[in-house]
N, C-alpha and C. Protein backbone atom coordinates (compact mmCIF):
# COMPACT_ATOMS: atom_id res chain seq x y z
N MET A 1 112.57 104.28 10.47
CA MET A 1 111.56 104.03 10.95
C MET A 1 111.18 102.39 11.39
N SER A 2 110.13 102.41 12.22
CA SER A 2 110.07 101.01 12.58
C SER A 2 109.13 100.30 11.90
N SER A 3 109.73 99.10 11.29
CA SER A 3 108.23 98.03 10.81
C SER A 3 107.52 97.54 11.25
N GLU A 4 106.98 97.05 10.65
CA GLU A 4 105.21 96.20 11.00
C GLU A 4 105.96 95.03 11.73
N GLY A 5 107.01 94.15 11.95
CA GLY A 5 107.50 93.12 12.37
C GLY A 5 107.87 93.67 13.89
N ASP A 6 108.37 94.54 13.65
CA ASP A 6 108.90 95.04 14.96
C ASP A 6 107.73 95.48 15.81
N VAL A 7 106.79 95.92 15.21
CA VAL A 7 105.65 96.65 16.35
C VAL A 7 104.85 95.48 16.64
N ARG A 8 105.01 93.90 15.98
CA ARG A 8 104.48 93.26 16.13
C ARG A 8 105.15 91.97 17.46
N LYS A 9 106.33 92.16 17.10
CA LYS A 9 107.30 91.91 18.61
C LYS A 9 107.12 92.54 19.56
N ILE A 10 107.16 93.78 19.74
CA ILE A 10 107.34 94.72 20.72
C ILE A 10 105.55 94.33 21.49
N ALA A 11 104.95 94.15 20.36
CA ALA A 11 102.91 94.09 21.24
C ALA A 11 103.08 92.78 21.89
N ALA A 12 103.69 91.55 20.92
CA ALA A 12 103.88 90.10 21.90
C ALA A 12 104.56 90.27 22.96
N VAL A 13 105.54 90.76 22.97
CA VAL A 13 107.02 90.71 24.19
C VAL A 13 105.81 91.47 25.42
N SER A 14 104.98 92.60 24.94
CA SER A 14 104.44 93.16 26.31
C SER A 14 102.88 92.32 26.19
N LEU A 15 102.85 91.40 25.19
CA LEU A 15 101.47 90.89 25.63
C LEU A 15 101.95 89.49 26.93
N LEU A 16 103.09 89.26 26.09
CA LEU A 16 103.58 87.94 27.18
C LEU A 16 103.85 88.73 28.81
N VAL A 17 104.52 89.59 28.89
CA VAL A 17 104.90 90.28 29.73
C VAL A 17 103.63 90.66 30.94
N VAL A 18 102.69 91.19 30.46
CA VAL A 18 101.31 91.48 31.34
C VAL A 18 100.67 90.20 31.31
N LEU A 19 100.79 89.37 30.53
CA LEU A 19 100.36 87.71 31.14
C LEU A 19 101.15 87.32 32.22
N LEU A 20 102.50 87.23 32.45
CA LEU A 20 103.13 86.64 33.33
C LEU A 20 103.50 87.27 34.54
N VAL A 21 102.74 88.39 34.53
CA VAL A 21 102.86 89.37 35.76
C VAL A 21 101.11 88.92 35.86
N ALA A 22 100.42 88.88 35.37
CA ALA A 22 98.87 88.38 35.85
C ALA A 22 98.70 87.49 36.41
N THR A 23 99.65 86.20 36.14
CA THR A 23 99.64 84.55 36.53
C THR A 23 100.05 84.85 37.85
N PHE A 24 101.70 85.01 37.72
CA PHE A 24 102.23 85.15 39.11
C PHE A 24 101.42 86.09 40.50
N ALA A 25 100.97 87.02 39.70
CA ALA A 25 100.35 87.87 40.90
C ALA A 25 99.12 87.58 41.83
N ALA A 26 98.42 86.83 40.58
CA ALA A 26 97.31 86.55 40.82
C ALA A 26 97.06 85.77 42.03
N PRO A 27 97.71 84.51 42.49
CA PRO A 27 98.05 83.77 43.82
C PRO A 27 98.62 84.59 44.82
N VAL A 28 99.37 85.70 44.74
CA VAL A 28 99.51 86.79 45.89
C VAL A 28 98.49 87.35 46.24
N LEU A 29 97.94 88.15 45.60
CA LEU A 29 96.71 89.12 45.52
C LEU A 29 95.65 87.97 45.77
N ALA A 30 95.21 87.03 45.72
CA ALA A 30 94.13 86.27 46.56
C ALA A 30 94.78 85.87 47.52
N TRP A 31 96.21 85.42 48.13
CA TRP A 31 96.39 85.48 49.47
C TRP A 31 96.42 86.55 50.06
N ASN A 32 96.46 87.97 49.46
CA ASN A 32 96.66 88.83 50.51
C ASN A 32 95.00 89.08 50.93
N ARG A 33 94.31 89.12 49.76
CA ARG A 33 92.68 89.11 50.55
C ARG A 33 92.14 88.10 51.59
N GLY A 34 92.92 86.81 51.79
CA GLY A 34 92.95 86.23 53.12
C GLY A 34 93.39 85.88 54.10
N GLY A 35 93.81 87.36 54.56
CA GLY A 35 94.39 87.72 55.65
C GLY A 35 95.87 87.26 56.22
N GLY A 36 96.57 87.38 54.77
CA GLY A 36 97.63 87.36 55.28
C GLY A 36 98.52 88.35 55.27
N PHE A 37 98.86 88.63 54.41
CA PHE A 37 99.91 90.73 54.47
C PHE A 37 99.45 91.43 54.25
N HIS A 38 99.03 92.06 55.67
CA HIS A 38 97.78 93.10 55.97
C HIS A 38 98.10 94.64 55.46
N GLY A 39 97.14 94.66 54.54
CA GLY A 39 97.44 96.49 54.16
C GLY A 39 98.29 96.69 52.91
N HIS A 40 99.24 95.48 52.67
CA HIS A 40 99.96 96.02 51.39
C HIS A 40 100.11 95.21 50.02
N GLY A 41 99.74 95.65 48.79
CA GLY A 41 99.23 95.25 48.16
C GLY A 41 100.97 94.66 47.17
N VAL A 42 101.14 93.72 47.25
CA VAL A 42 102.77 93.02 46.82
C VAL A 42 102.65 92.28 45.49
N VAL A 43 103.23 92.72 44.75
CA VAL A 43 103.25 92.03 42.68
C VAL A 43 104.62 91.21 42.94
N VAL A 44 104.58 90.30 42.63
CA VAL A 44 105.92 89.58 42.69
C VAL A 44 105.78 89.16 40.81
N ILE A 45 107.04 89.29 40.64
CA ILE A 45 107.54 88.86 39.30
C ILE A 45 108.62 87.48 39.31
N GLY A 46 107.86 86.28 38.88
CA GLY A 46 108.94 85.28 39.13
C GLY A 46 108.53 83.96 39.90
N PRO A 47 108.69 82.77 39.80
CA PRO A 47 107.92 81.78 40.84
C PRO A 47 107.14 81.98 42.40
N GLY A 48 105.62 81.99 42.09
CA GLY A 48 105.18 82.43 43.61
C GLY A 48 105.55 81.82 44.71
N CYS A 49 106.07 80.80 44.42
CA CYS A 49 106.28 79.57 45.69
C CYS A 49 107.32 80.07 46.51
N CYS A 50 108.17 80.72 46.05
CA CYS A 50 109.10 81.14 47.36
C CYS A 50 109.55 82.28 47.78
N TRP A 51 108.67 83.44 46.96
CA TRP A 51 108.91 85.10 46.96
C TRP A 51 107.28 85.28 47.60
N GLY A 52 107.54 86.22 48.10
CA GLY A 52 106.15 87.33 48.51
C GLY A 52 105.94 87.25 50.05
N PRO A 53 105.01 87.92 50.62
CA PRO A 53 104.71 87.66 51.65
C PRO A 53 104.82 86.39 52.55
N ALA A 54 104.00 85.52 51.59
CA ALA A 54 104.14 84.10 52.65
C ALA A 54 105.87 83.32 52.91
N TRP A 55 106.44 83.61 51.76
CA TRP A 55 107.83 83.42 51.98
C TRP A 55 108.28 84.03 53.69
N TRP A 56 108.41 85.37 53.96
CA TRP A 56 108.61 86.33 55.20
C TRP A 56 107.94 86.47 56.11
N TYR A 57 106.45 86.30 55.92
CA TYR A 57 105.39 87.11 56.87
C TYR A 57 105.57 86.12 57.72
N TYR A 58 105.46 86.23 59.62
CA TYR A 58 105.32 85.13 60.23
C TYR A 58 104.74 86.13 61.24
N THR A 59 103.15 85.78 61.71
CA THR A 59 102.22 86.07 62.54
C THR A 59 102.32 85.35 64.25
N PRO A 60 103.06 86.08 64.77
CA PRO A 60 103.52 85.40 66.14
C PRO A 60 102.02 84.63 66.71
N PRO A 61 101.96 83.70 67.71
CA PRO A 61 101.28 83.18 68.40
C PRO A 61 100.46 84.38 69.20
N PRO A 62 99.01 84.09 69.45
CA PRO A 62 99.10 85.00 70.57
C PRO A 62 99.32 84.66 71.99
N TYR A 63 99.31 85.81 72.16
CA TYR A 63 100.24 85.74 74.15
C TYR A 63 98.93 85.97 74.91
N TYR A 64 98.97 84.98 75.72
CA TYR A 64 97.81 85.31 76.74
C TYR A 64 98.44 85.03 78.29
N VAL A 65 98.00 86.09 78.71
CA VAL A 65 98.34 86.52 79.90
C VAL A 65 97.14 85.75 80.61
N ASP A 66 97.99 84.94 81.73
CA ASP A 66 96.92 84.22 82.72
C ASP A 66 96.49 85.36 83.94
N ALA A 67 95.33 85.23 84.39
CA ALA A 67 95.23 86.51 85.15
C ALA A 67 95.09 86.07 86.88
N PRO A 68 95.13 87.08 87.41
CA PRO A 68 95.88 86.57 88.85
C PRO A 68 94.59 85.58 89.58
N PRO A 69 95.46 84.69 90.55
CA PRO A 69 94.31 84.01 91.14
C PRO A 69 93.06 84.79 91.92
N PRO A 70 92.04 84.09 91.88
CA PRO A 70 90.92 85.19 92.53
C PRO A 70 91.20 85.07 94.17
N VAL A 71 91.13 86.21 95.08
CA VAL A 71 90.97 86.28 96.32
C VAL A 71 90.40 85.88 96.64
N VAL A 72 89.97 84.65 97.65
CA VAL A 72 88.69 84.20 98.22
C VAL A 72 88.48 84.89 99.94
N GLN A 73 87.76 85.48 100.31
CA GLN A 73 87.70 86.34 101.60
C GLN A 73 86.53 85.86 102.05
N GLU A 74 86.82 84.82 103.54
CA GLU A 74 85.47 84.36 104.32
C GLU A 74 85.27 85.75 104.62
N PRO A 75 83.20 85.52 104.56
CA PRO A 75 82.85 87.27 104.67
C PRO A 75 82.92 86.99 107.14
N PRO A 76 82.85 88.06 107.38
CA PRO A 76 83.13 88.44 108.84
C PRO A 76 81.57 87.53 109.17
N VAL A 77 82.05 87.13 110.54
CA VAL A 77 80.60 86.48 111.18
C VAL A 77 80.99 87.73 112.60
N TYR A 78 79.61 87.69 112.40
CA TYR A 78 78.89 88.96 113.35
C TYR A 78 78.03 88.13 114.25
N VAL A 79 78.85 88.05 115.96
CA VAL A 79 77.78 87.40 116.64
C VAL A 79 77.40 88.12 116.86
N GLU A 80 75.94 87.90 117.28
CA GLU A 80 74.88 88.98 118.33
C GLU A 80 75.08 88.93 119.70
N ARG A 81 75.31 89.72 120.53
CA ARG A 81 75.66 89.26 121.63
C ARG A 81 74.31 89.87 122.43
N PRO A 82 74.01 88.88 123.90
CA PRO A 82 72.59 88.99 123.96
C PRO A 82 72.10 90.09 124.56
N ALA A 83 71.25 90.50 124.79
CA ALA A 83 70.84 91.77 125.43
C ALA A 83 71.34 91.57 126.88
N PRO A 84 71.89 93.34 127.45
CA PRO A 84 72.30 92.73 128.92
C PRO A 84 70.63 92.70 129.77
N PRO A 85 70.95 91.66 130.99
CA PRO A 85 69.62 91.37 131.29
C PRO A 85 69.22 93.13 131.96
N GLU A 86 67.55 93.04 132.08
CA GLU A 86 67.31 94.95 131.91
C GLU A 86 67.41 94.78 133.84
N SER A 87 67.77 95.58 134.20
CA SER A 87 68.22 95.69 135.94
C SER A 87 66.74 96.85 136.15
N PHE A 88 66.48 96.25 137.11
CA PHE A 88 65.36 96.83 138.27
C PHE A 88 65.35 96.89 139.82
N TRP A 89 65.21 97.90 139.82
CA TRP A 89 65.26 97.68 141.61
C TRP A 89 63.73 97.74 141.94
N TYR A 90 63.85 96.91 143.03
CA TYR A 90 62.71 96.49 143.78
C TYR A 90 62.49 97.53 145.14
N TYR A 91 61.17 97.77 144.78
CA TYR A 91 60.56 98.66 146.07
C TYR A 91 59.53 98.53 146.70
N CYS A 92 59.66 98.46 148.11
CA CYS A 92 58.61 98.19 149.17
C CYS A 92 57.42 99.32 149.49
N PRO A 93 56.60 99.20 149.18
CA PRO A 93 55.46 100.34 149.69
C PRO A 93 55.65 100.55 151.32
N SER A 94 55.18 99.44 151.84
CA SER A 94 54.68 99.65 153.22
C SER A 94 56.18 99.98 153.92
N THR A 95 57.65 99.29 153.22
CA THR A 95 58.32 100.09 154.33
C THR A 95 59.33 101.38 153.69
N LYS A 96 59.00 101.40 152.61
CA LYS A 96 59.91 102.49 151.82
C LYS A 96 60.82 102.69 151.65
N ALA A 97 61.24 101.66 151.34
CA ALA A 97 62.87 101.43 151.19
C ALA A 97 63.19 99.92 149.74
N TYR A 98 64.15 100.21 149.11
CA TYR A 98 64.77 98.85 148.04
C TYR A 98 65.06 97.92 148.72
N TYR A 99 64.81 96.70 147.89
CA TYR A 99 65.57 95.52 148.14
C TYR A 99 66.95 95.91 147.92
N PRO A 100 68.25 95.48 148.50
CA PRO A 100 68.39 94.66 149.31
C PRO A 100 68.21 95.16 150.85
N SER A 101 67.51 96.10 150.89
CA SER A 101 67.76 96.65 152.18
C SER A 101 66.73 96.81 153.20
N VAL A 102 65.69 95.92 152.55
CA VAL A 102 64.87 95.27 153.05
C VAL A 102 64.86 93.74 152.28
N PRO A 103 64.99 92.96 153.15
CA PRO A 103 65.04 91.29 152.32
C PRO A 103 63.88 90.76 151.94
N SER A 104 62.36 91.45 152.86
CA SER A 104 61.45 90.66 152.52
C SER A 104 60.78 92.10 152.48
N CYS A 105 58.87 91.80 151.96
CA CYS A 105 58.30 93.02 151.89
C CYS A 105 57.10 91.90 151.95
N SER A 106 56.01 92.56 152.23
CA SER A 106 54.49 92.03 153.20
C SER A 106 53.54 92.08 151.76
N GLU A 107 53.76 92.73 151.19
CA GLU A 107 53.02 93.31 150.17
C GLU A 107 53.85 92.95 148.78
N ALA A 108 53.25 92.98 147.37
CA ALA A 108 53.90 92.57 145.55
C ALA A 108 55.16 93.89 146.45
N TRP A 109 56.13 93.40 145.97
CA TRP A 109 57.57 94.55 145.16
C TRP A 109 57.02 94.91 143.89
N ILE A 110 57.58 96.17 143.88
CA ILE A 110 57.34 97.22 142.56
C ILE A 110 58.98 97.44 142.29
N LYS A 111 58.60 96.78 140.83
CA LYS A 111 59.43 97.28 140.01
C LYS A 111 59.82 98.83 139.07
N VAL A 112 60.86 98.75 139.38
CA VAL A 112 61.07 100.31 139.33
C VAL A 112 62.35 100.47 138.67
N PRO A 113 62.24 101.44 137.40
CA PRO A 113 63.71 100.96 136.56
C PRO A 113 65.13 101.77 137.56
N PRO A 114 66.14 101.29 137.24
CA PRO A 114 67.15 102.11 138.08
C PRO A 114 67.51 103.61 138.00
N ARG A 115 67.85 104.53 139.25
CA ARG A 115 68.02 106.25 138.60
C ARG A 115 69.54 106.41 138.85
N SER A 116 70.03 106.83 138.60
CA SER A 116 71.34 107.14 139.39
C SER A 116 71.25 108.16 140.65
N GLU A 117 72.02 107.94 141.29
CA GLU A 117 71.83 108.07 142.80
C GLU A 117 72.43 109.70 142.94
N GLN A 118 71.93 110.16 143.42
CA GLN A 118 72.34 112.19 143.84
C GLN A 118 72.84 112.29 145.13
């Protein structure tokens, strides 16, 4: 059977191992919460300055894509055409004829909308 001294040695070595693991793992776990190595818990046994996620983990800089240049189009120009002049025929009641068949009329000309000739 083991002696009481052996049990104390095993307990002391176990306590020392637990303290060493906690000492070196604490900075790594704290760094983990700060946004470092995402989603993975890492326990480092040994010097924490050179091993662990901080040593090999690399976050590439964000990649920005330039938007294409805006297309500037001039609005269409609308030119309103003047309305065609209204055309009328002028009728002379005394001669029962239209201008220019009758160059003058003894009374006032009567404006008549044009009609298709049949």
